[in-house]
Amino acid sequence: MGGSPVVNTWAGAAYFYAGRVEDGMACMQRALELDSQLLRMPSIVLARAYLKQGMDQQAIAEIQKGSAFNDRNRLF
């Protein structure tokens, strides 16, 4: 994906719901690299992808990161 964190977030969600979990995770991680302040939505989708793969600890860590920014970022 390109250089937009929002585009990567939505593409990642689309990949995830289409069953392309690894592609979705890559997009979410790219979104977080591009803009760590856009953390809540990518973290939620990434956590769901981790859960689907049985990676419970990683999912919990992502939810915790996303929750830490809840008051700052109400867009998502």
PDB file of N, CA and C in Angstrom:
ATOM      1  N   MET A   1       0.834  -1.184   0.000  1.00  0.00           N
ATOM      2  CA  MET A   1       0.000   0.000   0.000  1.00  0.00           C
ATOM      3  C   MET A   1       0.873   1.239   0.000  1.00  0.00           C
ATOM      4  N   GLY A   2       0.239   2.343  -0.277  1.00  0.00           N
ATOM      5  CA  GLY A   2       0.935   3.613  -0.372  1.00  0.00           C
ATOM      6  C   GLY A   2       1.298   4.197   0.971  1.00  0.00           C
ATOM      7  N   GLY A   3       1.397   5.513   0.988  1.00  0.00           N
ATOM      8  CA  GLY A   3       1.877   6.196   2.162  1.00  0.00           C
ATOM      9  C   GLY A   3       0.805   6.825   3.025  1.00  0.00           C
ATOM     10  N   SER A   4      -0.437   6.418   2.883  1.00  0.00           N
ATOM     11  CA  SER A   4      -1.515   6.990   3.683  1.00  0.00           C
ATOM     12  C   SER A   4      -1.916   6.018   4.794  1.00  0.00           C
ATOM     13  N   PRO A   5      -1.856   6.477   6.065  1.00  0.00           N
ATOM     14  CA  PRO A   5      -2.264   5.589   7.148  1.00  0.00           C
ATOM     15  C   PRO A   5      -3.751   5.236   7.080  1.00  0.00           C
ATOM     16  N   VAL A   6      -4.581   6.162   6.620  1.00  0.00           N
ATOM     17  CA  VAL A   6      -6.021   5.894   6.537  1.00  0.00           C
ATOM     18  C   VAL A   6      -6.308   4.850   5.464  1.00  0.00           C
ATOM     19  N   VAL A   7      -5.668   4.994   4.289  1.00  0.00           N
ATOM     20  CA  VAL A   7      -5.858   4.018   3.212  1.00  0.00           C
ATOM     21  C   VAL A   7      -5.377   2.638   3.670  1.00  0.00           C
ATOM     22  N   ASN A   8      -4.244   2.590   4.339  1.00  0.00           N
ATOM     23  CA  ASN A   8      -3.734   1.312   4.829  1.00  0.00           C
ATOM     24  C   ASN A   8      -4.668   0.701   5.869  1.00  0.00           C
ATOM     25  N   THR A   9      -5.259   1.525   6.703  1.00  0.00           N
ATOM     26  CA  THR A   9      -6.194   1.033   7.711  1.00  0.00           C
ATOM     27  C   THR A   9      -7.406   0.380   7.060  1.00  0.00           C
ATOM     28  N   TRP A  10      -8.017   1.080   6.114  1.00  0.00           N
ATOM     29  CA  TRP A  10      -9.215   0.541   5.463  1.00  0.00           C
ATOM     30  C   TRP A  10      -8.893  -0.640   4.568  1.00  0.00           C
ATOM     31  N   ALA A  11      -7.752  -0.603   3.898  1.00  0.00           N
ATOM     32  CA  ALA A  11      -7.341  -1.751   3.080  1.00  0.00           C
ATOM     33  C   ALA A  11      -7.090  -2.962   3.975  1.00  0.00           C
ATOM     34  N   GLY A  12      -6.467  -2.728   5.103  1.00  0.00           N
ATOM     35  CA  GLY A  12      -6.217  -3.818   6.046  1.00  0.00           C
ATOM     36  C   GLY A  12      -7.499  -4.442   6.544  1.00  0.00           C
ATOM     37  N   ALA A  13      -8.483  -3.604   6.851  1.00  0.00           N
ATOM     38  CA  ALA A  13      -9.785  -4.127   7.293  1.00  0.00           C
ATOM     39  C   ALA A  13     -10.441  -4.944   6.183  1.00  0.00           C
ATOM     40  N   ALA A  14     -10.374  -4.447   4.957  1.00  0.00           N
ATOM     41  CA  ALA A  14     -10.962  -5.174   3.821  1.00  0.00           C
ATOM     42  C   ALA A  14     -10.271  -6.521   3.626  1.00  0.00           C
ATOM     43  N   TYR A  15      -8.949  -6.515   3.678  1.00  0.00           N
ATOM     44  CA  TYR A  15      -8.214  -7.780   3.563  1.00  0.00           C
ATOM     45  C   TYR A  15      -8.615  -8.753   4.668  1.00  0.00           C
ATOM     46  N   PHE A  16      -8.682  -8.242   5.879  1.00  0.00           N
ATOM     47  CA  PHE A  16      -9.019  -9.091   7.022  1.00  0.00           C
ATOM     48  C   PHE A  16     -10.392  -9.739   6.823  1.00  0.00           C
ATOM     49  N   TYR A  17     -11.385  -8.951   6.454  1.00  0.00           N
ATOM     50  CA  TYR A  17     -12.735  -9.486   6.293  1.00  0.00           C
ATOM     51  C   TYR A  17     -12.870 -10.377   5.054  1.00  0.00           C
ATOM     52  N   ALA A  18     -11.925 -10.263   4.122  1.00  0.00           N
ATOM     53  CA  ALA A  18     -11.926 -11.138   2.947  1.00  0.00           C
ATOM     54  C   ALA A  18     -11.167 -12.438   3.225  1.00  0.00           C
ATOM     55  N   GLY A  19     -10.668 -12.582   4.448  1.00  0.00           N
ATOM     56  CA  GLY A  19      -9.963 -13.792   4.814  1.00  0.00           C
ATOM     57  C   GLY A  19      -8.474 -13.754   4.521  1.00  0.00           C
ATOM     58  N   ARG A  20      -7.987 -12.608   4.080  1.00  0.00           N
ATOM     59  CA  ARG A  20      -6.553 -12.448   3.782  1.00  0.00           C
ATOM     60  C   ARG A  20      -5.872 -11.800   4.989  1.00  0.00           C
ATOM     61  N   VAL A  21      -5.797 -12.580   6.056  1.00  0.00           N
ATOM     62  CA  VAL A  21      -5.355 -12.076   7.355  1.00  0.00           C
ATOM     63  C   VAL A  21      -3.937 -11.506   7.299  1.00  0.00           C
ATOM     64  N   GLU A  22      -3.016 -12.207   6.684  1.00  0.00           N
ATOM     65  CA  GLU A  22      -1.629 -11.727   6.657  1.00  0.00           C
ATOM     66  C   GLU A  22      -1.510 -10.408   5.898  1.00  0.00           C
ATOM     67  N   ASP A  23      -2.231 -10.268   4.786  1.00  0.00           N
ATOM     68  CA  ASP A  23      -2.217  -8.996   4.052  1.00  0.00           C
ATOM     69  C   ASP A  23      -2.823  -7.884   4.904  1.00  0.00           C
ATOM     70  N   GLY A  24      -3.891  -8.204   5.603  1.00  0.00           N
ATOM     71  CA  GLY A  24      -4.524  -7.222   6.476  1.00  0.00           C
ATOM     72  C   GLY A  24      -3.610  -6.777   7.597  1.00  0.00           C
ATOM     73  N   MET A  25      -2.919  -7.727   8.187  1.00  0.00           N
ATOM     74  CA  MET A  25      -1.989  -7.397   9.266  1.00  0.00           C
ATOM     75  C   MET A  25      -0.852  -6.516   8.748  1.00  0.00           C
ATOM     76  N   ALA A  26      -0.368  -6.814   7.558  1.00  0.00           N
ATOM     77  CA  ALA A  26       0.708  -6.000   6.979  1.00  0.00           C
ATOM     78  C   ALA A  26       0.243  -4.567   6.767  1.00  0.00           C
ATOM     79  N   CYS A  27      -0.975  -4.391   6.277  1.00  0.00           N
ATOM     80  CA  CYS A  27      -1.506  -3.032   6.066  1.00  0.00           C
ATOM     81  C   CYS A  27      -1.674  -2.298   7.389  1.00  0.00           C
ATOM     82  N   MET A  28      -2.170  -2.981   8.408  1.00  0.00           N
ATOM     83  CA  MET A  28      -2.363  -2.343   9.712  1.00  0.00           C
ATOM     84  C   MET A  28      -1.026  -1.937  10.310  1.00  0.00           C
ATOM     85  N   GLN A  29      -0.045  -2.812  10.197  1.00  0.00           N
ATOM     86  CA  GLN A  29       1.278  -2.472  10.720  1.00  0.00           C
ATOM     87  C   GLN A  29       1.870  -1.283   9.963  1.00  0.00           C
ATOM     88  N   ARG A  30       1.638  -1.227   8.660  1.00  0.00           N
ATOM     89  CA  ARG A  30       2.116  -0.089   7.850  1.00  0.00           C
ATOM     90  C   ARG A  30       1.422   1.193   8.292  1.00  0.00           C
ATOM     91  N   ALA A  31       0.108   1.121   8.537  1.00  0.00           N
ATOM     92  CA  ALA A  31      -0.635   2.302   9.001  1.00  0.00           C
ATOM     93  C   ALA A  31      -0.049   2.819  10.311  1.00  0.00           C
ATOM     94  N   LEU A  32       0.279   1.911  11.212  1.00  0.00           N
ATOM     95  CA  LEU A  32       0.846   2.309  12.502  1.00  0.00           C
ATOM     96  C   LEU A  32       2.242   2.897  12.340  1.00  0.00           C
ATOM     97  N   GLU A  33       3.017   2.378  11.388  1.00  0.00           N
ATOM     98  CA  GLU A  33       4.350   2.937  11.119  1.00  0.00           C
ATOM     99  C   GLU A  33       4.244   4.358  10.569  1.00  0.00           C
ATOM    100  N   LEU A  34       3.247   4.581   9.727  1.00  0.00           N
ATOM    101  CA  LEU A  34       3.090   5.896   9.087  1.00  0.00           C
ATOM    102  C   LEU A  34       2.597   6.963  10.054  1.00  0.00           C
ATOM    103  N   ASP A  35       1.728   6.572  10.979  1.00  0.00           N
ATOM    104  CA  ASP A  35       1.149   7.559  11.892  1.00  0.00           C
ATOM    105  C   ASP A  35       0.729   6.866  13.176  1.00  0.00           C
ATOM    106  N   SER A  36       1.585   6.892  14.178  1.00  0.00           N
ATOM    107  CA  SER A  36       1.286   6.209  15.432  1.00  0.00           C
ATOM    108  C   SER A  36       0.149   6.871  16.204  1.00  0.00           C
ATOM    109  N   GLN A  37      -0.234   8.099  15.836  1.00  0.00           N
ATOM    110  CA  GLN A  37      -1.366   8.751  16.500  1.00  0.00           C
ATOM    111  C   GLN A  37      -2.705   8.209  15.997  1.00  0.00           C
ATOM    112  N   LEU A  38      -2.685   7.562  14.847  1.00  0.00           N
ATOM    113  CA  LEU A  38      -3.880   6.935  14.280  1.00  0.00           C
ATOM    114  C   LEU A  38      -3.899   5.494  14.777  1.00  0.00           C
ATOM    115  N   LEU A  39      -3.887   5.339  16.077  1.00  0.00           N
ATOM    116  CA  LEU A  39      -3.594   4.038  16.652  1.00  0.00           C
ATOM    117  C   LEU A  39      -4.811   3.183  16.936  1.00  0.00           C
ATOM    118  N   ARG A  40      -5.929   3.753  17.275  1.00  0.00           N
ATOM    119  CA  ARG A  40      -7.037   2.949  17.772  1.00  0.00           C
ATOM    120  C   ARG A  40      -7.611   1.996  16.727  1.00  0.00           C
ATOM    121  N   MET A  41      -8.004   2.485  15.562  1.00  0.00           N
ATOM    122  CA  MET A  41      -8.629   1.619  14.565  1.00  0.00           C
ATOM    123  C   MET A  41      -7.681   0.542  14.054  1.00  0.00           C
ATOM    124  N   PRO A  42      -6.456   0.883  13.637  1.00  0.00           N
ATOM    125  CA  PRO A  42      -5.560  -0.190  13.199  1.00  0.00           C
ATOM    126  C   PRO A  42      -5.298  -1.204  14.310  1.00  0.00           C
ATOM    127  N   SER A  43      -5.191  -0.748  15.530  1.00  0.00           N
ATOM    128  CA  SER A  43      -4.935  -1.662  16.640  1.00  0.00           C
ATOM    129  C   SER A  43      -6.096  -2.625  16.859  1.00  0.00           C
ATOM    130  N   ILE A  44      -7.308  -2.137  16.727  1.00  0.00           N
ATOM    131  CA  ILE A  44      -8.473  -3.002  16.906  1.00  0.00           C
ATOM    132  C   ILE A  44      -8.516  -4.078  15.822  1.00  0.00           C
ATOM    133  N   VAL A  45      -8.336  -3.685  14.583  1.00  0.00           N
ATOM    134  CA  VAL A  45      -8.384  -4.654  13.488  1.00  0.00           C
ATOM    135  C   VAL A  45      -7.206  -5.612  13.580  1.00  0.00           C
ATOM    136  N   LEU A  46      -6.037  -5.091  13.910  1.00  0.00           N
ATOM    137  CA  LEU A  46      -4.868  -5.944  14.051  1.00  0.00           C
ATOM    138  C   LEU A  46      -5.062  -6.937  15.203  1.00  0.00           C
ATOM    139  N   ALA A  47      -5.652  -6.487  16.286  1.00  0.00           N
ATOM    140  CA  ALA A  47      -5.928  -7.388  17.414  1.00  0.00           C
ATOM    141  C   ALA A  47      -6.875  -8.506  16.992  1.00  0.00           C
ATOM    142  N   ARG A  48      -7.885  -8.186  16.196  1.00  0.00           N
ATOM    143  CA  ARG A  48      -8.803  -9.222  15.709  1.00  0.00           C
ATOM    144  C   ARG A  48      -8.069 -10.232  14.828  1.00  0.00           C
ATOM    145  N   ALA A  49      -7.148  -9.743  14.028  1.00  0.00           N
ATOM    146  CA  ALA A  49      -6.362 -10.644  13.180  1.00  0.00           C
ATOM    147  C   ALA A  49      -5.486 -11.552  14.049  1.00  0.00           C
ATOM    148  N   TYR A  50      -4.872 -10.976  15.080  1.00  0.00           N
ATOM    149  CA  TYR A  50      -4.069 -11.791  15.989  1.00  0.00           C
ATOM    150  C   TYR A  50      -4.938 -12.864  16.655  1.00  0.00           C
ATOM    151  N   LEU A  51      -6.128 -12.498  17.098  1.00  0.00           N
ATOM    152  CA  LEU A  51      -7.023 -13.471  17.722  1.00  0.00           C
ATOM    153  C   LEU A  51      -7.374 -14.605  16.766  1.00  0.00           C
ATOM    154  N   LYS A  52      -7.622 -14.247  15.524  1.00  0.00           N
ATOM    155  CA  LYS A  52      -7.979 -15.253  14.528  1.00  0.00           C
ATOM    156  C   LYS A  52      -6.844 -16.253  14.324  1.00  0.00           C
ATOM    157  N   GLN A  53      -5.620 -15.808  14.534  1.00  0.00           N
ATOM    158  CA  GLN A  53      -4.466 -16.685  14.378  1.00  0.00           C
ATOM    159  C   GLN A  53      -4.037 -17.329  15.703  1.00  0.00           C
ATOM    160  N   GLY A  54      -4.822 -17.124  16.753  1.00  0.00           N
ATOM    161  CA  GLY A  54      -4.496 -17.723  18.047  1.00  0.00           C
ATOM    162  C   GLY A  54      -3.385 -17.026  18.794  1.00  0.00           C
ATOM    163  N   MET A  55      -3.108 -15.787  18.423  1.00  0.00           N
ATOM    164  CA  MET A  55      -2.022 -15.023  19.040  1.00  0.00           C
ATOM    165  C   MET A  55      -2.609 -14.076  20.093  1.00  0.00           C
ATOM    166  N   ASP A  56      -3.082 -14.672  21.184  1.00  0.00           N
ATOM    167  CA  ASP A  56      -3.828 -13.921  22.194  1.00  0.00           C
ATOM    168  C   ASP A  56      -3.020 -12.810  22.859  1.00  0.00           C
ATOM    169  N   GLN A  57      -1.769 -13.072  23.198  1.00  0.00           N
ATOM    170  CA  GLN A  57      -0.962 -12.059  23.886  1.00  0.00           C
ATOM    171  C   GLN A  57      -0.724 -10.835  23.002  1.00  0.00           C
ATOM    172  N   GLN A  58      -0.476 -11.059  21.709  1.00  0.00           N
ATOM    173  CA  GLN A  58      -0.286  -9.944  20.788  1.00  0.00           C
ATOM    174  C   GLN A  58      -1.578  -9.150  20.650  1.00  0.00           C
ATOM    175  N   ALA A  59      -2.710  -9.834  20.628  1.00  0.00           N
ATOM    176  CA  ALA A  59      -4.010  -9.160  20.541  1.00  0.00           C
ATOM    177  C   ALA A  59      -4.239  -8.268  21.752  1.00  0.00           C
ATOM    178  N   ILE A  60      -3.948  -8.778  22.919  1.00  0.00           N
ATOM    179  CA  ILE A  60      -4.113  -7.994  24.149  1.00  0.00           C
ATOM    180  C   ILE A  60      -3.224  -6.762  24.119  1.00  0.00           C
ATOM    181  N   ALA A  61      -1.980  -6.936  23.679  1.00  0.00           N
ATOM    182  CA  ALA A  61      -1.046  -5.800  23.609  1.00  0.00           C
ATOM    183  C   ALA A  61      -1.559  -4.729  22.653  1.00  0.00           C
ATOM    184  N   GLU A  62      -2.110  -5.130  21.513  1.00  0.00           N
ATOM    185  CA  GLU A  62      -2.642  -4.158  20.552  1.00  0.00           C
ATOM    186  C   GLU A  62      -3.834  -3.405  21.121  1.00  0.00           C
ATOM    187  N   ILE A  63      -4.732  -4.110  21.791  1.00  0.00           N
ATOM    188  CA  ILE A  63      -5.902  -3.447  22.400  1.00  0.00           C
ATOM    189  C   ILE A  63      -5.442  -2.457  23.463  1.00  0.00           C
ATOM    190  N   GLN A  64      -4.442  -2.832  24.236  1.00  0.00           N
ATOM    191  CA  GLN A  64      -3.928  -1.925  25.266  1.00  0.00           C
ATOM    192  C   GLN A  64      -3.321  -0.676  24.640  1.00  0.00           C
ATOM    193  N   LYS A  65      -2.581  -0.840  23.537  1.00  0.00           N
ATOM    194  CA  LYS A  65      -2.013   0.330  22.855  1.00  0.00           C
ATOM    195  C   LYS A  65      -3.120   1.230  22.338  1.00  0.00           C
ATOM    196  N   GLY A  66      -4.130   0.642  21.717  1.00  0.00           N
ATOM    197  CA  GLY A  66      -5.237   1.422  21.173  1.00  0.00           C
ATOM    198  C   GLY A  66      -6.014   2.140  22.251  1.00  0.00           C
ATOM    199  N   SER A  67      -6.201   1.484  23.380  1.00  0.00           N
ATOM    200  CA  SER A  67      -6.944   2.091  24.485  1.00  0.00           C
ATOM    201  C   SER A  67      -6.204   3.265  25.097  1.00  0.00           C
ATOM    202  N   ALA A  68      -4.881   3.216  25.066  1.00  0.00           N
ATOM    203  CA  ALA A  68      -4.081   4.299  25.642  1.00  0.00           C
ATOM    204  C   ALA A  68      -4.317   5.615  24.915  1.00  0.00           C
ATOM    205  N   PHE A  69      -4.703   5.540  23.642  1.00  0.00           N
ATOM    206  CA  PHE A  69      -4.924   6.742  22.852  1.00  0.00           C
ATOM    207  C   PHE A  69      -6.408   7.099  22.715  1.00  0.00           C
ATOM    208  N   ASN A  70      -7.262   6.416  23.445  1.00  0.00           N
ATOM    209  CA  ASN A  70      -8.712   6.590  23.303  1.00  0.00           C
ATOM    210  C   ASN A  70      -9.158   8.038  23.502  1.00  0.00           C
ATOM    211  N   ASP A  71      -8.674   8.707  24.505  1.00  0.00           N
ATOM    212  CA  ASP A  71      -9.110  10.074  24.772  1.00  0.00           C
ATOM    213  C   ASP A  71      -8.535  11.073  23.771  1.00  0.00           C
ATOM    214  N   ARG A  72      -7.360  10.800  23.226  1.00  0.00           N
ATOM    215  CA  ARG A  72      -6.717  11.712  22.290  1.00  0.00           C
ATOM    216  C   ARG A  72      -7.284  11.620  20.889  1.00  0.00           C
ATOM    217  N   ASN A  73      -7.714  10.444  20.485  1.00  0.00           N
ATOM    218  CA  ASN A  73      -8.091  10.201  19.093  1.00  0.00           C
ATOM    219  C   ASN A  73      -9.523   9.659  19.040  1.00  0.00           C
ATOM    220  N   ARG A  74     -10.466  10.519  18.865  1.00  0.00           N
ATOM    221  CA  ARG A  74     -11.865  10.092  18.842  1.00  0.00           C
ATOM    222  C   ARG A  74     -12.388   9.911  17.416  1.00  0.00           C
ATOM    223  N   LEU A  75     -11.529  10.048  16.408  1.00  0.00           N
ATOM    224  CA  LEU A  75     -11.940   9.851  15.019  1.00  0.00           C
ATOM    225  C   LEU A  75     -12.409   8.432  14.786  1.00  0.00           C
ATOM    226  N   PHE A  76     -11.774   7.467  15.424  1.00  0.00           N
ATOM    227  CA  PHE A  76     -12.122   6.056  15.254  1.00  0.00           C
ATOM    228  C   PHE A  76     -12.706   5.569  16.524  1.00  0.00           C
TER     229      PHE A  76
END
